[in-house]
Amino acid sequence: MIIVPIKEGENIERALKKFKRKYEKTGVVKELRSRQAFKKPSVVNRKKKEHAVYVQKMNQNND
């Protein structure tokens, strides 16, 4: 359960913003979306490798 401490006199929109931020950090939505469809381990590994290559190229271009 997510608990968001609210100070006295704090705006409700601000409290909602804090709640949404904490909720996103837990990764619940991301986990649900990933479980909706099965992905083969070979596909997952290929995507990870492609992403690693992309990140490495981006880092080399920045240097």
PDB file of N, CA and C in Angstrom:
ATOM      1  N   MET A   1       0.837  -1.166   0.000  1.00  0.00           N
ATOM      2  CA  MET A   1       0.000   0.000   0.000  1.00  0.00           C
ATOM      3  C   MET A   1       0.890   1.240   0.000  1.00  0.00           C
ATOM      4  N   ILE A   2       0.486   2.225  -0.762  1.00  0.00           N
ATOM      5  CA  ILE A   2       1.262   3.466  -0.862  1.00  0.00           C
ATOM      6  C   ILE A   2       0.694   4.472   0.126  1.00  0.00           C
ATOM      7  N   ILE A   3       1.567   5.003   0.960  1.00  0.00           N
ATOM      8  CA  ILE A   3       1.167   6.001   1.947  1.00  0.00           C
ATOM      9  C   ILE A   3       1.849   7.312   1.599  1.00  0.00           C
ATOM     10  N   VAL A   4       1.041   8.369   1.496  1.00  0.00           N
ATOM     11  CA  VAL A   4       1.561   9.686   1.173  1.00  0.00           C
ATOM     12  C   VAL A   4       1.260  10.612   2.353  1.00  0.00           C
ATOM     13  N   PRO A   5       2.298  11.016   3.089  1.00  0.00           N
ATOM     14  CA  PRO A   5       2.046  11.938   4.201  1.00  0.00           C
ATOM     15  C   PRO A   5       1.675  13.329   3.676  1.00  0.00           C
ATOM     16  N   ILE A   6       0.608  13.879   4.238  1.00  0.00           N
ATOM     17  CA  ILE A   6       0.139  15.202   3.818  1.00  0.00           C
ATOM     18  C   ILE A   6       0.286  16.164   4.986  1.00  0.00           C
ATOM     19  N   LYS A   7       0.910  17.298   4.708  1.00  0.00           N
ATOM     20  CA  LYS A   7       1.059  18.328   5.730  1.00  0.00           C
ATOM     21  C   LYS A   7      -0.247  19.100   5.854  1.00  0.00           C
ATOM     22  N   GLU A   8      -0.451  19.668   7.002  1.00  0.00           N
ATOM     23  CA  GLU A   8      -1.682  20.422   7.220  1.00  0.00           C
ATOM     24  C   GLU A   8      -1.711  21.650   6.316  1.00  0.00           C
ATOM     25  N   GLY A   9      -2.820  21.822   5.630  1.00  0.00           N
ATOM     26  CA  GLY A   9      -2.967  22.960   4.735  1.00  0.00           C
ATOM     27  C   GLY A   9      -2.372  22.728   3.352  1.00  0.00           C
ATOM     28  N   GLU A  10      -1.907  21.502   3.093  1.00  0.00           N
ATOM     29  CA  GLU A  10      -1.307  21.209   1.785  1.00  0.00           C
ATOM     30  C   GLU A  10      -2.408  21.022   0.737  1.00  0.00           C
ATOM     31  N   ASN A  11      -2.134  21.478  -0.456  1.00  0.00           N
ATOM     32  CA  ASN A  11      -3.078  21.409  -1.555  1.00  0.00           C
ATOM     33  C   ASN A  11      -3.316  19.949  -1.955  1.00  0.00           C
ATOM     34  N   ILE A  12      -4.565  19.614  -2.281  1.00  0.00           N
ATOM     35  CA  ILE A  12      -4.909  18.234  -2.640  1.00  0.00           C
ATOM     36  C   ILE A  12      -4.265  17.827  -3.970  1.00  0.00           C
ATOM     37  N   GLU A  13      -4.121  18.776  -4.907  1.00  0.00           N
ATOM     38  CA  GLU A  13      -3.466  18.453  -6.174  1.00  0.00           C
ATOM     39  C   GLU A  13      -2.011  18.068  -5.958  1.00  0.00           C
ATOM     40  N   ARG A  14      -1.375  18.739  -5.012  1.00  0.00           N
ATOM     41  CA  ARG A  14       0.030  18.430  -4.701  1.00  0.00           C
ATOM     42  C   ARG A  14       0.145  17.016  -4.120  1.00  0.00           C
ATOM     43  N   ALA A  15      -0.803  16.658  -3.271  1.00  0.00           N
ATOM     44  CA  ALA A  15      -0.796  15.325  -2.679  1.00  0.00           C
ATOM     45  C   ALA A  15      -1.039  14.257  -3.752  1.00  0.00           C
ATOM     46  N   LEU A  16      -1.943  14.543  -4.683  1.00  0.00           N
ATOM     47  CA  LEU A  16      -2.187  13.607  -5.781  1.00  0.00           C
ATOM     48  C   LEU A  16      -0.950  13.436  -6.643  1.00  0.00           C
ATOM     49  N   LYS A  17      -0.242  14.530  -6.867  1.00  0.00           N
ATOM     50  CA  LYS A  17       0.980  14.475  -7.665  1.00  0.00           C
ATOM     51  C   LYS A  17       2.025  13.583  -6.979  1.00  0.00           C
ATOM     52  N   LYS A  18       2.148  13.712  -5.651  1.00  0.00           N
ATOM     53  CA  LYS A  18       3.076  12.870  -4.899  1.00  0.00           C
ATOM     54  C   LYS A  18       2.681  11.399  -5.007  1.00  0.00           C
ATOM     55  N   PHE A  19       1.363  11.146  -4.902  1.00  0.00           N
ATOM     56  CA  PHE A  19       0.873   9.772  -4.991  1.00  0.00           C
ATOM     57  C   PHE A  19       1.182   9.172  -6.354  1.00  0.00           C
ATOM     58  N   LYS A  20       0.906   9.927  -7.415  1.00  0.00           N
ATOM     59  CA  LYS A  20       1.156   9.436  -8.770  1.00  0.00           C
ATOM     60  C   LYS A  20       2.637   9.135  -8.975  1.00  0.00           C
ATOM     61  N   ARG A  21       3.505   9.995  -8.455  1.00  0.00           N
ATOM     62  CA  ARG A  21       4.943   9.796  -8.589  1.00  0.00           C
ATOM     63  C   ARG A  21       5.384   8.517  -7.882  1.00  0.00           C
ATOM     64  N   LYS A  22       4.887   8.305  -6.663  1.00  0.00           N
ATOM     65  CA  LYS A  22       5.239   7.098  -5.920  1.00  0.00           C
ATOM     66  C   LYS A  22       4.709   5.851  -6.623  1.00  0.00           C
ATOM     67  N   TYR A  23       3.488   5.968  -7.161  1.00  0.00           N
ATOM     68  CA  TYR A  23       2.871   4.841  -7.850  1.00  0.00           C
ATOM     69  C   TYR A  23       3.680   4.447  -9.079  1.00  0.00           C
ATOM     70  N   GLU A  24       4.151   5.426  -9.840  1.00  0.00           N
ATOM     71  CA  GLU A  24       4.964   5.139 -11.023  1.00  0.00           C
ATOM     72  C   GLU A  24       6.295   4.501 -10.642  1.00  0.00           C
ATOM     73  N   LYS A  25       6.876   4.941  -9.525  1.00  0.00           N
ATOM     74  CA  LYS A  25       8.159   4.394  -9.110  1.00  0.00           C
ATOM     75  C   LYS A  25       8.062   2.931  -8.716  1.00  0.00           C
ATOM     76  N   THR A  26       6.887   2.492  -8.253  1.00  0.00           N
ATOM     77  CA  THR A  26       6.741   1.089  -7.867  1.00  0.00           C
ATOM     78  C   THR A  26       6.773   0.175  -9.079  1.00  0.00           C
ATOM     79  N   GLY A  27       6.383   0.680 -10.265  1.00  0.00           N
ATOM     80  CA  GLY A  27       6.449  -0.101 -11.493  1.00  0.00           C
ATOM     81  C   GLY A  27       5.288  -1.053 -11.676  1.00  0.00           C
ATOM     82  N   VAL A  28       4.173  -0.800 -11.014  1.00  0.00           N
ATOM     83  CA  VAL A  28       3.018  -1.684 -11.098  1.00  0.00           C
ATOM     84  C   VAL A  28       2.460  -1.723 -12.509  1.00  0.00           C
ATOM     85  N   VAL A  29       2.275  -0.572 -13.123  1.00  0.00           N
ATOM     86  CA  VAL A  29       1.685  -0.512 -14.462  1.00  0.00           C
ATOM     87  C   VAL A  29       2.601  -1.185 -15.475  1.00  0.00           C
ATOM     88  N   LYS A  30       3.886  -0.939 -15.354  1.00  0.00           N
ATOM     89  CA  LYS A  30       4.852  -1.549 -16.274  1.00  0.00           C
ATOM     90  C   LYS A  30       4.826  -3.073 -16.143  1.00  0.00           C
ATOM     91  N   GLU A  31       4.725  -3.554 -14.918  1.00  0.00           N
ATOM     92  CA  GLU A  31       4.678  -4.985 -14.673  1.00  0.00           C
ATOM     93  C   GLU A  31       3.413  -5.604 -15.271  1.00  0.00           C
ATOM     94  N   LEU A  32       2.281  -4.934 -15.098  1.00  0.00           N
ATOM     95  CA  LEU A  32       1.028  -5.441 -15.660  1.00  0.00           C
ATOM     96  C   LEU A  32       1.089  -5.528 -17.175  1.00  0.00           C
ATOM     97  N   ARG A  33       1.615  -4.516 -17.798  1.00  0.00           N
ATOM     98  CA  ARG A  33       1.712  -4.520 -19.260  1.00  0.00           C
ATOM     99  C   ARG A  33       2.651  -5.617 -19.755  1.00  0.00           C
ATOM    100  N   SER A  34       3.726  -5.852 -19.032  1.00  0.00           N
ATOM    101  CA  SER A  34       4.665  -6.880 -19.476  1.00  0.00           C
ATOM    102  C   SER A  34       4.086  -8.277 -19.308  1.00  0.00           C
ATOM    103  N   ARG A  35       3.164  -8.456 -18.367  1.00  0.00           N
ATOM    104  CA  ARG A  35       2.568  -9.777 -18.131  1.00  0.00           C
ATOM    105  C   ARG A  35       1.375 -10.070 -19.030  1.00  0.00           C
ATOM    106  N   GLN A  36       0.906  -9.082 -19.769  1.00  0.00           N
ATOM    107  CA  GLN A  36      -0.263  -9.302 -20.616  1.00  0.00           C
ATOM    108  C   GLN A  36       0.031 -10.275 -21.749  1.00  0.00           C
ATOM    109  N   ALA A  37       1.237 -10.255 -22.263  1.00  0.00           N
ATOM    110  CA  ALA A  37       1.593 -11.149 -23.359  1.00  0.00           C
ATOM    111  C   ALA A  37       2.947 -11.789 -23.054  1.00  0.00           C
ATOM    112  N   PHE A  38       3.049 -13.073 -23.351  1.00  0.00           N
ATOM    113  CA  PHE A  38       4.299 -13.790 -23.111  1.00  0.00           C
ATOM    114  C   PHE A  38       5.317 -13.438 -24.187  1.00  0.00           C
ATOM    115  N   LYS A  39       6.532 -13.180 -23.747  1.00  0.00           N
ATOM    116  CA  LYS A  39       7.631 -12.927 -24.682  1.00  0.00           C
ATOM    117  C   LYS A  39       8.669 -14.028 -24.482  1.00  0.00           C
ATOM    118  N   LYS A  40       9.104 -14.577 -25.593  1.00  0.00           N
ATOM    119  CA  LYS A  40      10.103 -15.636 -25.510  1.00  0.00           C
ATOM    120  C   LYS A  40      11.410 -15.055 -24.961  1.00  0.00           C
ATOM    121  N   PRO A  41      12.142 -15.842 -24.184  1.00  0.00           N
ATOM    122  CA  PRO A  41      13.402 -15.363 -23.630  1.00  0.00           C
ATOM    123  C   PRO A  41      14.391 -14.912 -24.699  1.00  0.00           C
ATOM    124  N   SER A  42      14.390 -15.564 -25.864  1.00  0.00           N
ATOM    125  CA  SER A  42      15.317 -15.175 -26.919  1.00  0.00           C
ATOM    126  C   SER A  42      14.980 -13.783 -27.440  1.00  0.00           C
ATOM    127  N   VAL A  43      13.689 -13.457 -27.514  1.00  0.00           N
ATOM    128  CA  VAL A  43      13.270 -12.135 -27.971  1.00  0.00           C
ATOM    129  C   VAL A  43      13.661 -11.076 -26.943  1.00  0.00           C
ATOM    130  N   VAL A  44      13.469 -11.399 -25.671  1.00  0.00           N
ATOM    131  CA  VAL A  44      13.825 -10.458 -24.606  1.00  0.00           C
ATOM    132  C   VAL A  44      15.325 -10.181 -24.626  1.00  0.00           C
ATOM    133  N   ASN A  45      16.127 -11.242 -24.766  1.00  0.00           N
ATOM    134  CA  ASN A  45      17.581 -11.068 -24.797  1.00  0.00           C
ATOM    135  C   ASN A  45      18.019 -10.248 -26.010  1.00  0.00           C
ATOM    136  N   ARG A  46      17.388 -10.484 -27.154  1.00  0.00           N
ATOM    137  CA  ARG A  46      17.729  -9.729 -28.365  1.00  0.00           C
ATOM    138  C   ARG A  46      17.438  -8.248 -28.158  1.00  0.00           C
ATOM    139  N   LYS A  47      16.294  -7.938 -27.565  1.00  0.00           N
ATOM    140  CA  LYS A  47      15.927  -6.538 -27.313  1.00  0.00           C
ATOM    141  C   LYS A  47      16.915  -5.877 -26.356  1.00  0.00           C
ATOM    142  N   LYS A  48      17.346  -6.629 -25.328  1.00  0.00           N
ATOM    143  CA  LYS A  48      18.314  -6.088 -24.374  1.00  0.00           C
ATOM    144  C   LYS A  48      19.636  -5.765 -25.071  1.00  0.00           C
ATOM    145  N   LYS A  49      20.081  -6.674 -25.953  1.00  0.00           N
ATOM    146  CA  LYS A  49      21.327  -6.443 -26.680  1.00  0.00           C
ATOM    147  C   LYS A  49      21.214  -5.238 -27.600  1.00  0.00           C
ATOM    148  N   GLU A  50      20.080  -5.132 -28.305  1.00  0.00           N
ATOM    149  CA  GLU A  50      19.875  -3.985 -29.193  1.00  0.00           C
ATOM    150  C   GLU A  50      19.880  -2.675 -28.410  1.00  0.00           C
ATOM    151  N   HIS A  51      19.259  -2.689 -27.261  1.00  0.00           N
ATOM    152  CA  HIS A  51      19.223  -1.481 -26.434  1.00  0.00           C
ATOM    153  C   HIS A  51      20.624  -1.125 -25.925  1.00  0.00           C
ATOM    154  N   ALA A  52      21.389  -2.147 -25.532  1.00  0.00           N
ATOM    155  CA  ALA A  52      22.753  -1.903 -25.052  1.00  0.00           C
ATOM    156  C   ALA A  52      23.615  -1.300 -26.152  1.00  0.00           C
ATOM    157  N   VAL A  53      23.470  -1.802 -27.375  1.00  0.00           N
ATOM    158  CA  VAL A  53      24.234  -1.255 -28.505  1.00  0.00           C
ATOM    159  C   VAL A  53      23.832   0.199 -28.741  1.00  0.00           C
ATOM    160  N   TYR A  54      22.538   0.467 -28.689  1.00  0.00           N
ATOM    161  CA  TYR A  54      22.038   1.830 -28.896  1.00  0.00           C
ATOM    162  C   TYR A  54      22.598   2.792 -27.836  1.00  0.00           C
ATOM    163  N   VAL A  55      22.561   2.375 -26.594  1.00  0.00           N
ATOM    164  CA  VAL A  55      23.062   3.220 -25.499  1.00  0.00           C
ATOM    165  C   VAL A  55      24.568   3.451 -25.662  1.00  0.00           C
ATOM    166  N   GLN A  56      25.296   2.416 -26.050  1.00  0.00           N
ATOM    167  CA  GLN A  56      26.743   2.553 -26.229  1.00  0.00           C
ATOM    168  C   GLN A  56      27.057   3.535 -27.346  1.00  0.00           C
ATOM    169  N   LYS A  57      26.317   3.459 -28.447  1.00  0.00           N
ATOM    170  CA  LYS A  57      26.534   4.403 -29.557  1.00  0.00           C
ATOM    171  C   LYS A  57      26.216   5.825 -29.126  1.00  0.00           C
ATOM    172  N   MET A  58      25.154   5.995 -28.358  1.00  0.00           N
ATOM    173  CA  MET A  58      24.775   7.332 -27.886  1.00  0.00           C
ATOM    174  C   MET A  58      25.875   7.908 -26.988  1.00  0.00           C
ATOM    175  N   ASN A  59      26.428   7.057 -26.119  1.00  0.00           N
ATOM    176  CA  ASN A  59      27.500   7.515 -25.228  1.00  0.00           C
ATOM    177  C   ASN A  59      28.755   7.880 -26.009  1.00  0.00           C
ATOM    178  N   GLN A  60      29.061   7.131 -27.072  1.00  0.00           N
ATOM    179  CA  GLN A  60      30.234   7.444 -27.876  1.00  0.00           C
ATOM    180  C   GLN A  60      30.054   8.742 -28.636  1.00  0.00           C
ATOM    181  N   ASN A  61      28.831   9.011 -29.114  1.00  0.00           N
ATOM    182  CA  ASN A  61      28.575  10.250 -29.836  1.00  0.00           C
ATOM    183  C   ASN A  61      28.660  11.472 -28.928  1.00  0.00           C
ATOM    184  N   ASN A  62      28.307  11.309 -27.659  1.00  0.00           N
ATOM    185  CA  ASN A  62      28.351  12.431 -26.718  1.00  0.00           C
ATOM    186  C   ASN A  62      29.779  12.779 -26.325  1.00  0.00           C
ATOM    187  N   ASP A  63      30.680  11.803 -26.392  1.00  0.00           N
ATOM    188  CA  ASP A  63      32.073  12.055 -26.009  1.00  0.00           C
ATOM    189  C   ASP A  63      32.779  12.724 -27.137  1.00  0.00           C
TER     190      ASP A  63
END
